Structures are given as structure tokens and as C-alpha cells.
PDB file of N, CA and C in Angstrom:
ATOM      1  N   UNK A   1     -15.943 -10.969 -14.723  1.00  0.00           N
ATOM      2  CA  UNK A   1     -14.592 -10.452 -14.717  1.00  0.00           C
ATOM      3  C   UNK A   1     -13.913 -10.862 -13.421  1.00  0.00           C
ATOM      4  N   UNK A   2     -12.674 -11.181 -13.520  1.00  0.00           N
ATOM      5  CA  UNK A   2     -11.897 -11.587 -12.357  1.00  0.00           C
ATOM      6  C   UNK A   2     -11.239 -10.381 -11.720  1.00  0.00           C
ATOM      7  N   UNK A   3     -11.268 -10.323 -10.398  1.00  0.00           N
ATOM      8  CA  UNK A   3     -10.599  -9.233  -9.708  1.00  0.00           C
ATOM      9  C   UNK A   3      -9.089  -9.364  -9.811  1.00  0.00           C
ATOM     10  N   UNK A   4      -8.592 -10.548 -10.103  1.00  0.00           N
ATOM     11  CA  UNK A   4      -7.158 -10.754 -10.230  1.00  0.00           C
ATOM     12  C   UNK A   4      -6.606 -10.248 -11.543  1.00  0.00           C
ATOM     13  N   UNK A   5      -7.473  -9.911 -12.476  1.00  0.00           N
ATOM     14  CA  UNK A   5      -7.030  -9.440 -13.778  1.00  0.00           C
ATOM     15  C   UNK A   5      -7.299  -7.949 -13.904  1.00  0.00           C
ATOM     16  N   UNK A   6      -6.323  -7.221 -14.431  1.00  0.00           N
ATOM     17  CA  UNK A   6      -6.577  -5.805 -14.667  1.00  0.00           C
ATOM     18  C   UNK A   6      -7.761  -5.648 -15.609  1.00  0.00           C
ATOM     19  N   UNK A   7      -8.591  -4.709 -15.342  1.00  0.00           N
ATOM     20  CA  UNK A   7      -9.736  -4.458 -16.188  1.00  0.00           C
ATOM     21  C   UNK A   7     -10.736  -3.587 -15.462  1.00  0.00           C
ATOM     22  N   UNK A   8     -11.790  -3.218 -16.143  1.00  0.00           N
ATOM     23  CA  UNK A   8     -12.764  -2.293 -15.560  1.00  0.00           C
ATOM     24  C   UNK A   8     -13.385  -2.783 -14.247  1.00  0.00           C
ATOM     25  N   UNK A   9     -13.760  -4.036 -14.168  1.00  0.00           N
ATOM     26  CA  UNK A   9     -14.401  -4.527 -12.949  1.00  0.00           C
ATOM     27  C   UNK A   9     -13.423  -4.527 -11.782  1.00  0.00           C
ATOM     28  N   UNK A  10     -12.237  -5.005 -12.018  1.00  0.00           N
ATOM     29  CA  UNK A  10     -11.232  -5.042 -10.967  1.00  0.00           C
ATOM     30  C   UNK A  10     -10.781  -3.656 -10.543  1.00  0.00           C
ATOM     31  N   UNK A  11     -10.566  -2.775 -11.504  1.00  0.00           N
ATOM     32  CA  UNK A  11     -10.102  -1.437 -11.154  1.00  0.00           C
ATOM     33  C   UNK A  11     -11.193  -0.650 -10.438  1.00  0.00           C
ATOM     34  N   UNK A  12     -12.446  -0.874 -10.797  1.00  0.00           N
ATOM     35  CA  UNK A  12     -13.541  -0.212 -10.081  1.00  0.00           C
ATOM     36  C   UNK A  12     -13.599  -0.640  -8.634  1.00  0.00           C
ATOM     37  N   UNK A  13     -13.369  -1.915  -8.400  1.00  0.00           N
ATOM     38  CA  UNK A  13     -13.347  -2.443  -7.043  1.00  0.00           C
ATOM     39  C   UNK A  13     -12.199  -1.825  -6.248  1.00  0.00           C
ATOM     40  N   UNK A  14     -11.019  -1.772  -6.853  1.00  0.00           N
ATOM     41  CA  UNK A  14      -9.849  -1.199  -6.187  1.00  0.00           C
ATOM     42  C   UNK A  14     -10.075   0.277  -5.894  1.00  0.00           C
ATOM     43  N   UNK A  15     -10.615   1.008  -6.852  1.00  0.00           N
ATOM     44  CA  UNK A  15     -10.880   2.433  -6.653  1.00  0.00           C
ATOM     45  C   UNK A  15     -11.875   2.671  -5.528  1.00  0.00           C
ATOM     46  N   UNK A  16     -12.847   1.786  -5.382  1.00  0.00           N
ATOM     47  CA  UNK A  16     -13.831   1.929  -4.303  1.00  0.00           C
ATOM     48  C   UNK A  16     -13.262   1.496  -2.959  1.00  0.00           C
ATOM     49  N   UNK A  17     -12.418   0.470  -2.964  1.00  0.00           N
ATOM     50  CA  UNK A  17     -11.900  -0.081  -1.714  1.00  0.00           C
ATOM     51  C   UNK A  17     -10.789   0.772  -1.107  1.00  0.00           C
ATOM     52  N   UNK A  18      -9.925   1.326  -1.917  1.00  0.00           N
ATOM     53  CA  UNK A  18      -8.749   2.044  -1.409  1.00  0.00           C
ATOM     54  C   UNK A  18      -9.095   3.173  -0.435  1.00  0.00           C
ATOM     55  N   UNK A  19     -10.051   4.054  -0.731  1.00  0.00           N
ATOM     56  CA  UNK A  19     -10.349   5.116   0.229  1.00  0.00           C
ATOM     57  C   UNK A  19     -10.964   4.593   1.535  1.00  0.00           C
ATOM     58  N   UNK A  20     -11.699   3.494   1.449  1.00  0.00           N
ATOM     59  CA  UNK A  20     -12.270   2.896   2.657  1.00  0.00           C
ATOM     60  C   UNK A  20     -11.146   2.341   3.527  1.00  0.00           C
ATOM     61  N   UNK A  21     -10.226   1.629   2.904  1.00  0.00           N
ATOM     62  CA  UNK A  21      -9.070   1.091   3.631  1.00  0.00           C
ATOM     63  C   UNK A  21      -8.281   2.249   4.249  1.00  0.00           C
ATOM     64  N   UNK A  22      -8.050   3.293   3.470  1.00  0.00           N
ATOM     65  CA  UNK A  22      -7.280   4.438   3.950  1.00  0.00           C
ATOM     66  C   UNK A  22      -7.939   5.092   5.159  1.00  0.00           C
ATOM     67  N   UNK A  23      -9.253   5.198   5.152  1.00  0.00           N
ATOM     68  CA  UNK A  23      -9.945   5.871   6.253  1.00  0.00           C
ATOM     69  C   UNK A  23     -10.048   5.015   7.509  1.00  0.00           C
ATOM     70  N   UNK A  24      -9.936   3.701   7.364  1.00  0.00           N
ATOM     71  CA  UNK A  24     -10.097   2.811   8.519  1.00  0.00           C
ATOM     72  C   UNK A  24      -8.812   2.095   8.917  1.00  0.00           C
ATOM     73  N   UNK A  25      -7.701   2.447   8.323  1.00  0.00           N
ATOM     74  CA  UNK A  25      -6.469   1.685   8.522  1.00  0.00           C
ATOM     75  C   UNK A  25      -5.984   1.686   9.970  1.00  0.00           C
ATOM     76  N   UNK A  26      -6.298   2.704  10.739  1.00  0.00           N
ATOM     77  CA  UNK A  26      -5.840   2.716  12.140  1.00  0.00           C
ATOM     78  C   UNK A  26      -6.610   1.709  12.990  1.00  0.00           C
ATOM     79  N   UNK A  27      -7.709   1.181  12.470  1.00  0.00           N
ATOM     80  CA  UNK A  27      -8.462   0.145  13.179  1.00  0.00           C
ATOM     81  C   UNK A  27      -7.922  -1.254  12.898  1.00  0.00           C
ATOM     82  N   UNK A  28      -7.047  -1.383  11.904  1.00  0.00           N
ATOM     83  CA  UNK A  28      -6.536  -2.690  11.508  1.00  0.00           C
ATOM     84  C   UNK A  28      -5.522  -3.213  12.527  1.00  0.00           C
ATOM     85  N   UNK A  29      -5.527  -4.524  12.713  1.00  0.00           N
ATOM     86  CA  UNK A  29      -4.465  -5.170  13.487  1.00  0.00           C
ATOM     87  C   UNK A  29      -3.234  -5.247  12.581  1.00  0.00           C
ATOM     88  N   UNK A  30      -2.041  -5.436  13.152  1.00  0.00           N
ATOM     89  CA  UNK A  30      -0.833  -5.478  12.313  1.00  0.00           C
ATOM     90  C   UNK A  30      -0.926  -6.447  11.134  1.00  0.00           C
ATOM     91  N   UNK A  31      -1.440  -7.640  11.357  1.00  0.00           N
ATOM     92  CA  UNK A  31      -1.540  -8.601  10.252  1.00  0.00           C
ATOM     93  C   UNK A  31      -2.467  -8.073   9.159  1.00  0.00           C
ATOM     94  N   UNK A  32      -3.533  -7.414   9.534  1.00  0.00           N
ATOM     95  CA  UNK A  32      -4.447  -6.839   8.547  1.00  0.00           C
ATOM     96  C   UNK A  32      -3.770  -5.770   7.709  1.00  0.00           C
ATOM     97  N   UNK A  33      -2.952  -4.944   8.340  1.00  0.00           N
ATOM     98  CA  UNK A  33      -2.214  -3.920   7.589  1.00  0.00           C
ATOM     99  C   UNK A  33      -1.271  -4.558   6.581  1.00  0.00           C
ATOM    100  N   UNK A  34      -0.531  -5.567   7.031  1.00  0.00           N
ATOM    101  CA  UNK A  34       0.412  -6.192   6.098  1.00  0.00           C
ATOM    102  C   UNK A  34      -0.315  -6.905   4.972  1.00  0.00           C
ATOM    103  N   UNK A  35      -1.440  -7.519   5.280  1.00  0.00           N
ATOM    104  CA  UNK A  35      -2.174  -8.245   4.239  1.00  0.00           C
ATOM    105  C   UNK A  35      -2.798  -7.301   3.216  1.00  0.00           C
ATOM    106  N   UNK A  36      -3.331  -6.175   3.662  1.00  0.00           N
ATOM    107  CA  UNK A  36      -3.952  -5.250   2.715  1.00  0.00           C
ATOM    108  C   UNK A  36      -2.883  -4.604   1.828  1.00  0.00           C
ATOM    109  N   UNK A  37      -1.744  -4.260   2.409  1.00  0.00           N
ATOM    110  CA  UNK A  37      -0.658  -3.729   1.584  1.00  0.00           C
ATOM    111  C   UNK A  37      -0.159  -4.783   0.601  1.00  0.00           C
ATOM    112  N   UNK A  38      -0.024  -6.017   1.073  1.00  0.00           N
ATOM    113  CA  UNK A  38       0.403  -7.110   0.189  1.00  0.00           C
ATOM    114  C   UNK A  38      -0.594  -7.283  -0.954  1.00  0.00           C
ATOM    115  N   UNK A  39      -1.877  -7.240  -0.639  1.00  0.00           N
ATOM    116  CA  UNK A  39      -2.903  -7.416  -1.670  1.00  0.00           C
ATOM    117  C   UNK A  39      -2.861  -6.331  -2.731  1.00  0.00           C
ATOM    118  N   UNK A  40      -2.785  -5.079  -2.298  1.00  0.00           N
ATOM    119  CA  UNK A  40      -2.715  -3.985  -3.270  1.00  0.00           C
ATOM    120  C   UNK A  40      -1.423  -4.065  -4.078  1.00  0.00           C
ATOM    121  N   UNK A  41      -0.315  -4.410  -3.436  1.00  0.00           N
ATOM    122  CA  UNK A  41       0.951  -4.532  -4.166  1.00  0.00           C
ATOM    123  C   UNK A  41       0.897  -5.667  -5.181  1.00  0.00           C
ATOM    124  N   UNK A  42       0.257  -6.765  -4.822  1.00  0.00           N
ATOM    125  CA  UNK A  42       0.133  -7.893  -5.750  1.00  0.00           C
ATOM    126  C   UNK A  42      -0.664  -7.478  -6.976  1.00  0.00           C
ATOM    127  N   UNK A  43      -1.757  -6.759  -6.769  1.00  0.00           N
ATOM    128  CA  UNK A  43      -2.537  -6.256  -7.908  1.00  0.00           C
ATOM    129  C   UNK A  43      -1.695  -5.305  -8.746  1.00  0.00           C
ATOM    130  N   UNK A  44      -0.913  -4.467  -8.083  1.00  0.00           N
ATOM    131  CA  UNK A  44      -0.040  -3.537  -8.786  1.00  0.00           C
ATOM    132  C   UNK A  44       0.985  -4.290  -9.633  1.00  0.00           C
ATOM    133  N   UNK A  45       1.556  -5.347  -9.066  1.00  0.00           N
ATOM    134  CA  UNK A  45       2.551  -6.142  -9.785  1.00  0.00           C
ATOM    135  C   UNK A  45       1.946  -6.833 -11.002  1.00  0.00           C
ATOM    136  N   UNK A  46       0.633  -7.071 -10.967  1.00  0.00           N
ATOM    137  CA  UNK A  46      -0.045  -7.717 -12.096  1.00  0.00           C
ATOM    138  C   UNK A  46      -0.540  -6.708 -13.118  1.00  0.00           C
ATOM    139  N   UNK A  47      -0.180  -5.436 -12.923  1.00  0.00           N
ATOM    140  CA  UNK A  47      -0.511  -4.423 -13.914  1.00  0.00           C
ATOM    141  C   UNK A  47      -1.722  -3.577 -13.605  1.00  0.00           C
ATOM    142  N   UNK A  48      -2.372  -3.789 -12.497  1.00  0.00           N
ATOM    143  CA  UNK A  48      -3.544  -2.983 -12.165  1.00  0.00           C
ATOM    144  C   UNK A  48      -3.092  -1.662 -11.541  1.00  0.00           C
ATOM    145  N   UNK A  49      -3.736  -0.589 -11.961  1.00  0.00           N
ATOM    146  CA  UNK A  49      -3.453   0.712 -11.358  1.00  0.00           C
ATOM    147  C   UNK A  49      -4.017   0.729  -9.947  1.00  0.00           C
ATOM    148  N   UNK A  50      -3.174   1.002  -8.975  1.00  0.00           N
ATOM    149  CA  UNK A  50      -3.627   1.157  -7.588  1.00  0.00           C
ATOM    150  C   UNK A  50      -3.233   2.549  -7.117  1.00  0.00           C
ATOM    151  N   UNK A  51      -4.031   3.129  -6.241  1.00  0.00           N
ATOM    152  CA  UNK A  51      -3.712   4.467  -5.737  1.00  0.00           C
ATOM    153  C   UNK A  51      -2.594   4.407  -4.701  1.00  0.00           C
ATOM    154  N   UNK A  52      -1.374   4.207  -5.163  1.00  0.00           N
ATOM    155  CA  UNK A  52      -0.236   4.005  -4.285  1.00  0.00           C
ATOM    156  C   UNK A  52       0.020   5.140  -3.323  1.00  0.00           C
ATOM    157  N   UNK A  53      -0.107   6.387  -3.808  1.00  0.00           N
ATOM    158  CA  UNK A  53       0.129   7.525  -2.933  1.00  0.00           C
ATOM    159  C   UNK A  53      -0.879   7.543  -1.796  1.00  0.00           C
ATOM    160  N   UNK A  54      -2.132   7.356  -2.111  1.00  0.00           N
ATOM    161  CA  UNK A  54      -3.171   7.325  -1.082  1.00  0.00           C
ATOM    162  C   UNK A  54      -2.902   6.220  -0.075  1.00  0.00           C
ATOM    163  N   UNK A  55      -2.601   5.043  -0.561  1.00  0.00           N
ATOM    164  CA  UNK A  55      -2.385   3.901   0.330  1.00  0.00           C
ATOM    165  C   UNK A  55      -1.169   4.092   1.223  1.00  0.00           C
ATOM    166  N   UNK A  56      -0.049   4.485   0.638  1.00  0.00           N
ATOM    167  CA  UNK A  56       1.165   4.619   1.433  1.00  0.00           C
ATOM    168  C   UNK A  56       1.096   5.808   2.381  1.00  0.00           C
ATOM    169  N   UNK A  57       0.451   6.893   1.959  1.00  0.00           N
ATOM    170  CA  UNK A  57       0.319   8.045   2.851  1.00  0.00           C
ATOM    171  C   UNK A  57      -0.586   7.745   4.034  1.00  0.00           C
ATOM    172  N   UNK A  58      -1.609   6.950   3.828  1.00  0.00           N
ATOM    173  CA  UNK A  58      -2.545   6.665   4.921  1.00  0.00           C
ATOM    174  C   UNK A  58      -2.129   5.436   5.729  1.00  0.00           C
ATOM    175  N   UNK A  59      -1.685   4.383   5.063  1.00  0.00           N
ATOM    176  CA  UNK A  59      -1.305   3.182   5.792  1.00  0.00           C
ATOM    177  C   UNK A  59       0.070   3.305   6.438  1.00  0.00           C
ATOM    178  N   UNK A  60       0.940   4.126   5.874  1.00  0.00           N
ATOM    179  CA  UNK A  60       2.279   4.301   6.433  1.00  0.00           C
ATOM    180  C   UNK A  60       2.270   4.678   7.905  1.00  0.00           C
ATOM    181  N   UNK A  61       1.548   5.732   8.301  1.00  0.00           N
ATOM    182  CA  UNK A  61       1.516   6.086   9.723  1.00  0.00           C
ATOM    183  C   UNK A  61       0.927   4.984  10.612  1.00  0.00           C
ATOM    184  N   UNK A  62      -0.059   4.259  10.105  1.00  0.00           N
ATOM    185  CA  UNK A  62      -0.639   3.157  10.886  1.00  0.00           C
ATOM    186  C   UNK A  62       0.390   2.044  11.078  1.00  0.00           C
ATOM    187  N   UNK A  63       1.168   1.766  10.035  1.00  0.00           N
ATOM    188  CA  UNK A  63       2.224   0.756  10.133  1.00  0.00           C
ATOM    189  C   UNK A  63       3.271   1.205  11.149  1.00  0.00           C
ATOM    190  N   UNK A  64       3.655   2.461  11.074  1.00  0.00           N
ATOM    191  CA  UNK A  64       4.667   2.991  11.990  1.00  0.00           C
ATOM    192  C   UNK A  64       4.169   2.922  13.433  1.00  0.00           C
ATOM    193  N   UNK A  65       2.913   3.291  13.649  1.00  0.00           N
ATOM    194  CA  UNK A  65       2.344   3.250  15.002  1.00  0.00           C
ATOM    195  C   UNK A  65       2.358   1.846  15.597  1.00  0.00           C
ATOM    196  N   UNK A  66       2.231   0.826  14.742  1.00  0.00           N
ATOM    197  CA  UNK A  66       2.142  -0.558  15.220  1.00  0.00           C
ATOM    198  C   UNK A  66       3.391  -1.376  14.918  1.00  0.00           C
ATOM    199  N   UNK A  67       4.476  -0.690  14.548  1.00  0.00           N
ATOM    200  CA  UNK A  67       5.689  -1.375  14.090  1.00  0.00           C
ATOM    201  C   UNK A  67       6.191  -2.416  15.082  1.00  0.00           C
ATOM    202  N   UNK A  68       6.159  -2.116  16.354  1.00  0.00           N
ATOM    203  CA  UNK A  68       6.693  -3.048  17.356  1.00  0.00           C
ATOM    204  C   UNK A  68       5.846  -4.304  17.496  1.00  0.00           C
ATOM    205  N   UNK A  69       4.619  -4.285  16.960  1.00  0.00           N
ATOM    206  CA  UNK A  69       3.707  -5.422  17.091  1.00  0.00           C
ATOM    207  C   UNK A  69       3.795  -6.402  15.926  1.00  0.00           C
ATOM    208  N   UNK A  70       4.530  -6.066  14.874  1.00  0.00           N
ATOM    209  CA  UNK A  70       4.574  -6.922  13.692  1.00  0.00           C
ATOM    210  C   UNK A  70       5.427  -8.156  13.920  1.00  0.00           C
ATOM    211  N   UNK A  71       4.932  -9.274  13.421  1.00  0.00           N
ATOM    212  CA  UNK A  71       5.733 -10.491  13.333  1.00  0.00           C
ATOM    213  C   UNK A  71       6.692 -10.301  12.156  1.00  0.00           C
ATOM    214  N   UNK A  72       7.791 -11.043  12.114  1.00  0.00           N
ATOM    215  CA  UNK A  72       8.730 -10.897  10.997  1.00  0.00           C
ATOM    216  C   UNK A  72       8.074 -11.059   9.620  1.00  0.00           C
ATOM    217  N   UNK A  73       7.155 -11.993   9.477  1.00  0.00           N
ATOM    218  CA  UNK A  73       6.492 -12.187   8.184  1.00  0.00           C
ATOM    219  C   UNK A  73       5.703 -10.946   7.776  1.00  0.00           C
ATOM    220  N   UNK A  74       4.994 -10.353   8.714  1.00  0.00           N
ATOM    221  CA  UNK A  74       4.228  -9.143   8.410  1.00  0.00           C
ATOM    222  C   UNK A  74       5.129  -7.990   8.020  1.00  0.00           C
ATOM    223  N   UNK A  75       6.245  -7.834   8.729  1.00  0.00           N
ATOM    224  CA  UNK A  75       7.192  -6.770   8.396  1.00  0.00           C
ATOM    225  C   UNK A  75       7.777  -6.989   7.000  1.00  0.00           C
ATOM    226  N   UNK A  76       8.122  -8.232   6.675  1.00  0.00           N
ATOM    227  CA  UNK A  76       8.682  -8.492   5.345  1.00  0.00           C
ATOM    228  C   UNK A  76       7.636  -8.292   4.253  1.00  0.00           C
ATOM    229  N   UNK A  77       6.378  -8.638   4.522  1.00  0.00           N
ATOM    230  CA  UNK A  77       5.311  -8.395   3.545  1.00  0.00           C
ATOM    231  C   UNK A  77       5.141  -6.905   3.277  1.00  0.00           C
ATOM    232  N   UNK A  78       5.253  -6.097   4.329  1.00  0.00           N
ATOM    233  CA  UNK A  78       5.118  -4.650   4.167  1.00  0.00           C
ATOM    234  C   UNK A  78       6.273  -4.097   3.349  1.00  0.00           C
ATOM    235  N   UNK A  79       7.476  -4.547   3.637  1.00  0.00           N
ATOM    236  CA  UNK A  79       8.627  -4.082   2.867  1.00  0.00           C
ATOM    237  C   UNK A  79       8.489  -4.456   1.399  1.00  0.00           C
ATOM    238  N   UNK A  80       8.064  -5.689   1.134  1.00  0.00           N
ATOM    239  CA  UNK A  80       7.860  -6.127  -0.247  1.00  0.00           C
ATOM    240  C   UNK A  80       6.777  -5.283  -0.911  1.00  0.00           C
ATOM    241  N   UNK A  81       5.696  -5.035  -0.189  1.00  0.00           N
ATOM    242  CA  UNK A  81       4.585  -4.260  -0.752  1.00  0.00           C
ATOM    243  C   UNK A  81       5.026  -2.839  -1.089  1.00  0.00           C
ATOM    244  N   UNK A  82       5.758  -2.210  -0.182  1.00  0.00           N
ATOM    245  CA  UNK A  82       6.237  -0.850  -0.455  1.00  0.00           C
ATOM    246  C   UNK A  82       7.134  -0.829  -1.685  1.00  0.00           C
ATOM    247  N   UNK A  83       8.059  -1.767  -1.760  1.00  0.00           N
ATOM    248  CA  UNK A  83       8.960  -1.824  -2.913  1.00  0.00           C
ATOM    249  C   UNK A  83       8.188  -2.072  -4.204  1.00  0.00           C
ATOM    250  N   UNK A  84       7.200  -2.944  -4.158  1.00  0.00           N
ATOM    251  CA  UNK A  84       6.417  -3.277  -5.349  1.00  0.00           C
ATOM    252  C   UNK A  84       5.580  -2.090  -5.811  1.00  0.00           C
ATOM    253  N   UNK A  85       4.948  -1.411  -4.870  1.00  0.00           N
ATOM    254  CA  UNK A  85       4.136  -0.236  -5.223  1.00  0.00           C
ATOM    255  C   UNK A  85       5.034   0.876  -5.762  1.00  0.00           C
ATOM    256  N   UNK A  86       6.195   1.085  -5.133  1.00  0.00           N
ATOM    257  CA  UNK A  86       7.139   2.101  -5.615  1.00  0.00           C
ATOM    258  C   UNK A  86       7.607   1.770  -7.029  1.00  0.00           C
ATOM    259  N   UNK A  87       7.909   0.505  -7.277  1.00  0.00           N
ATOM    260  CA  UNK A  87       8.367   0.084  -8.596  1.00  0.00           C
ATOM    261  C   UNK A  87       7.282   0.296  -9.646  1.00  0.00           C
ATOM    262  N   UNK A  88       6.060  -0.065  -9.316  1.00  0.00           N
ATOM    263  CA  UNK A  88       4.958   0.126 -10.263  1.00  0.00           C
ATOM    264  C   UNK A  88       4.758   1.603 -10.554  1.00  0.00           C
ATOM    265  N   UNK A  89       4.892   2.434  -9.527  1.00  0.00           N
ATOM    266  CA  UNK A  89       4.736   3.875  -9.717  1.00  0.00           C
ATOM    267  C   UNK A  89       5.822   4.412 -10.648  1.00  0.00           C
ATOM    268  N   UNK A  90       7.060   3.949 -10.441  1.00  0.00           N
ATOM    269  CA  UNK A  90       8.158   4.396 -11.304  1.00  0.00           C
ATOM    270  C   UNK A  90       7.958   3.932 -12.739  1.00  0.00           C
ATOM    271  N   UNK A  91       7.450   2.704 -12.901  1.00  0.00           N
ATOM    272  CA  UNK A  91       7.273   2.158 -14.249  1.00  0.00           C
ATOM    273  C   UNK A  91       6.166   2.836 -15.025  1.00  0.00           C
ATOM    274  N   UNK A  92       5.153   3.335 -14.329  1.00  0.00           N
ATOM    275  CA  UNK A  92       4.041   3.973 -15.026  1.00  0.00           C
ATOM    276  C   UNK A  92       4.126   5.487 -14.998  1.00  0.00           C
ATOM    277  N   UNK A  93       4.947   6.024 -14.068  1.00  0.00           N
ATOM    278  CA  UNK A  93       5.015   7.475 -13.881  1.00  0.00           C
ATOM    279  C   UNK A  93       3.623   8.064 -13.786  1.00  0.00           C
ATOM    280  N   UNK A  94       2.744   7.337 -13.117  1.00  0.00           N
ATOM    281  CA  UNK A  94       1.352   7.746 -13.020  1.00  0.00           C
ATOM    282  C   UNK A  94       1.160   8.695 -11.852  1.00  0.00           C
ATOM    283  N   UNK A  95       0.562   9.814 -12.135  1.00  0.00           N
ATOM    284  CA  UNK A  95       0.158  10.744 -11.084  1.00  0.00           C
ATOM    285  C   UNK A  95      -1.353  10.691 -10.927  1.00  0.00           C
ATOM    286  N   UNK A  96      -1.969   9.602 -11.345  1.00  0.00           N
ATOM    287  CA  UNK A  96      -3.417   9.485 -11.334  1.00  0.00           C
ATOM    288  C   UNK A  96      -3.962   9.002 -10.001  1.00  0.00           C
ATOM    289  N   UNK A  97      -3.124   8.972  -8.977  1.00  0.00           N
ATOM    290  CA  UNK A  97      -3.592   8.514  -7.671  1.00  0.00           C
ATOM    291  C   UNK A  97      -4.703   9.424  -7.161  1.00  0.00           C
ATOM    292  N   UNK A  98      -5.640   8.816  -6.481  1.00  0.00           N
ATOM    293  CA  UNK A  98      -6.755   9.575  -5.939  1.00  0.00           C
ATOM    294  C   UNK A  98      -6.420  10.006  -4.518  1.00  0.00           C
ATOM    295  N   UNK A  99      -5.471  10.910  -4.401  1.00  0.00           N
ATOM    296  CA  UNK A  99      -5.016  11.374  -3.095  1.00  0.00           C
ATOM    297  C   UNK A  99      -5.023  12.892  -3.095  1.00  0.00           C
ATOM    298  N   UNK A 100      -5.480  13.476  -1.998  1.00  0.00           N
ATOM    299  CA  UNK A 100      -5.522  14.928  -1.926  1.00  0.00           C
ATOM    300  C   UNK A 100      -4.124  15.509  -1.734  1.00  0.00           C
ATOM    301  N   UNK A 101      -3.199  14.698  -1.252  1.00  0.00           N
ATOM    302  CA  UNK A 101      -1.833  15.166  -1.078  1.00  0.00           C
ATOM    303  C   UNK A 101      -1.028  14.828  -2.318  1.00  0.00           C
ATOM    304  N   UNK A 102       0.031  15.582  -2.531  1.00  0.00           N
ATOM    305  CA  UNK A 102       0.866  15.335  -3.708  1.00  0.00           C
ATOM    306  C   UNK A 102       2.151  14.611  -3.332  1.00  0.00           C
ATOM    307  N   UNK A 103       2.213  14.041  -2.167  1.00  0.00           N
ATOM    308  CA  UNK A 103       3.401  13.333  -1.727  1.00  0.00           C
ATOM    309  C   UNK A 103       3.681  12.153  -2.638  1.00  0.00           C
ATOM    310  N   UNK A 104       4.923  12.020  -3.024  1.00  0.00           N
ATOM    311  CA  UNK A 104       5.358  10.913  -3.866  1.00  0.00           C
ATOM    312  C   UNK A 104       5.310   9.627  -3.050  1.00  0.00           C
ATOM    313  N   UNK A 105       4.772   8.533  -3.611  1.00  0.00           N
ATOM    314  CA  UNK A 105       4.737   7.286  -2.863  1.00  0.00           C
ATOM    315  C   UNK A 105       6.127   6.784  -2.502  1.00  0.00           C
ATOM    316  N   UNK A 106       7.147   7.182  -3.273  1.00  0.00           N
ATOM    317  CA  UNK A 106       8.506   6.781  -2.923  1.00  0.00           C
ATOM    318  C   UNK A 106       8.892   7.347  -1.562  1.00  0.00           C
ATOM    319  N   UNK A 107       8.509   8.598  -1.287  1.00  0.00           N
ATOM    320  CA  UNK A 107       8.817   9.221  -0.002  1.00  0.00           C
ATOM    321  C   UNK A 107       8.082   8.528   1.129  1.00  0.00           C
ATOM    322  N   UNK A 108       6.799   8.223   0.934  1.00  0.00           N
ATOM    323  CA  UNK A 108       6.008   7.558   1.962  1.00  0.00           C
ATOM    324  C   UNK A 108       6.534   6.164   2.233  1.00  0.00           C
ATOM    325  N   UNK A 109       6.824   5.435   1.183  1.00  0.00           N
ATOM    326  CA  UNK A 109       7.334   4.072   1.344  1.00  0.00           C
ATOM    327  C   UNK A 109       8.704   4.085   2.006  1.00  0.00           C
ATOM    328  N   UNK A 110       9.536   5.049   1.645  1.00  0.00           N
ATOM    329  CA  UNK A 110      10.860   5.128   2.257  1.00  0.00           C
ATOM    330  C   UNK A 110      10.740   5.362   3.761  1.00  0.00           C
ATOM    331  N   UNK A 111       9.792   6.183   4.176  1.00  0.00           N
ATOM    332  CA  UNK A 111       9.594   6.426   5.601  1.00  0.00           C
ATOM    333  C   UNK A 111       9.175   5.147   6.308  1.00  0.00           C
ATOM    334  N   UNK A 112       8.257   4.392   5.694  1.00  0.00           N
ATOM    335  CA  UNK A 112       7.814   3.130   6.287  1.00  0.00           C
ATOM    336  C   UNK A 112       8.977   2.152   6.366  1.00  0.00           C
ATOM    337  N   UNK A 113       9.727   2.027   5.285  1.00  0.00           N
ATOM    338  CA  UNK A 113      10.860   1.099   5.253  1.00  0.00           C
ATOM    339  C   UNK A 113      11.876   1.469   6.331  1.00  0.00           C
ATOM    340  N   UNK A 114      12.185   2.747   6.464  1.00  0.00           N
ATOM    341  CA  UNK A 114      13.151   3.166   7.485  1.00  0.00           C
ATOM    342  C   UNK A 114      12.657   2.863   8.887  1.00  0.00           C
ATOM    343  N   UNK A 115      11.378   3.132   9.153  1.00  0.00           N
ATOM    344  CA  UNK A 115      10.844   2.876  10.489  1.00  0.00           C
ATOM    345  C   UNK A 115      10.772   1.384  10.802  1.00  0.00           C
ATOM    346  N   UNK A 116      10.396   0.572   9.817  1.00  0.00           N
ATOM    347  CA  UNK A 116      10.346  -0.867  10.049  1.00  0.00           C
ATOM    348  C   UNK A 116      11.764  -1.409  10.266  1.00  0.00           C
ATOM    349  N   UNK A 117      12.719  -0.867   9.531  1.00  0.00           N
ATOM    350  CA  UNK A 117      14.107  -1.318   9.671  1.00  0.00           C
ATOM    351  C   UNK A 117      14.654  -1.001  11.062  1.00  0.00           C
ATOM    352  N   UNK A 118      14.119   0.025  11.709  1.00  0.00           N
ATOM    353  CA  UNK A 118      14.584   0.409  13.038  1.00  0.00           C
ATOM    354  C   UNK A 118      13.822  -0.293  14.155  1.00  0.00           C
ATOM    355  N   UNK A 119      12.935  -1.213  13.810  1.00  0.00           N
ATOM    356  CA  UNK A 119      12.161  -1.925  14.817  1.00  0.00           C
ATOM    357  C   UNK A 119      13.091  -2.715  15.720  1.00  0.00           C
ATOM    358  N   UNK A 120      12.713  -2.798  17.014  1.00  0.00           N
ATOM    359  CA  UNK A 120      13.546  -3.585  17.945  1.00  0.00           C
ATOM    360  C   UNK A 120      13.518  -5.069  17.628  1.00  0.00           C
TER     361      UNK A 120
END
């Protein structure tokens, strides 16, 4: 099974990886944060269920903490990823995220987008 295709093997991998990424995201360098968000958003855009609330709630503060360190490409990748994850969430109306908080990913993504937009 290909990880690029929605299906049991790919979704199992995503379900296992997301909490690990969430717990270690403050250790990531800015490029790593943008790449992991881009990767999850790309899978989301291809129809795979991703735990958007968990990812945006945990990666959002790490992105904000390192906002001044992002290159323009990394900042644009994060904005695209947030928009893509928010869009996928709206299209599926899925509350199946594996997150202990009930925060809507739209709220988390909006906070990230606002903070990145205010970067010097």
C-alpha cells in the first residue's frame, strides 16, 4: 500500500505519527515545522483523514514561537497547510480528530495565520 493513497496502511501511519509529531514539535527547526504541516495538509488534500485539530493545536504554538525565524517559503507553506487542513475539515465536518481538546481547527489555524501575518 502506498502512503500517498488514502487507505488503511496510510491512515494507520498518519494516526501513529501525528501524536509523536505533536509531542515533539517544539524540538523542530522552522523548516521542519513547515514541512510536517505541508505533508499532513497534502495528505489531507488527497482525501486522507488527518487529525487536524491535534496538529494545529500542538504545532500552532511552536510555529508562533519560531515565527521570526521562518523564511518566506516556510511561512507560505504553513499558510497553505493551515488553509488546506481547514478546508478539509469543513468538507468532511469530521470531529474524529484524536485530540483531547475540542478546539476547532479553524480557530487554531486562524491564530497561526494571524501571527504569521504579523511577522516582521
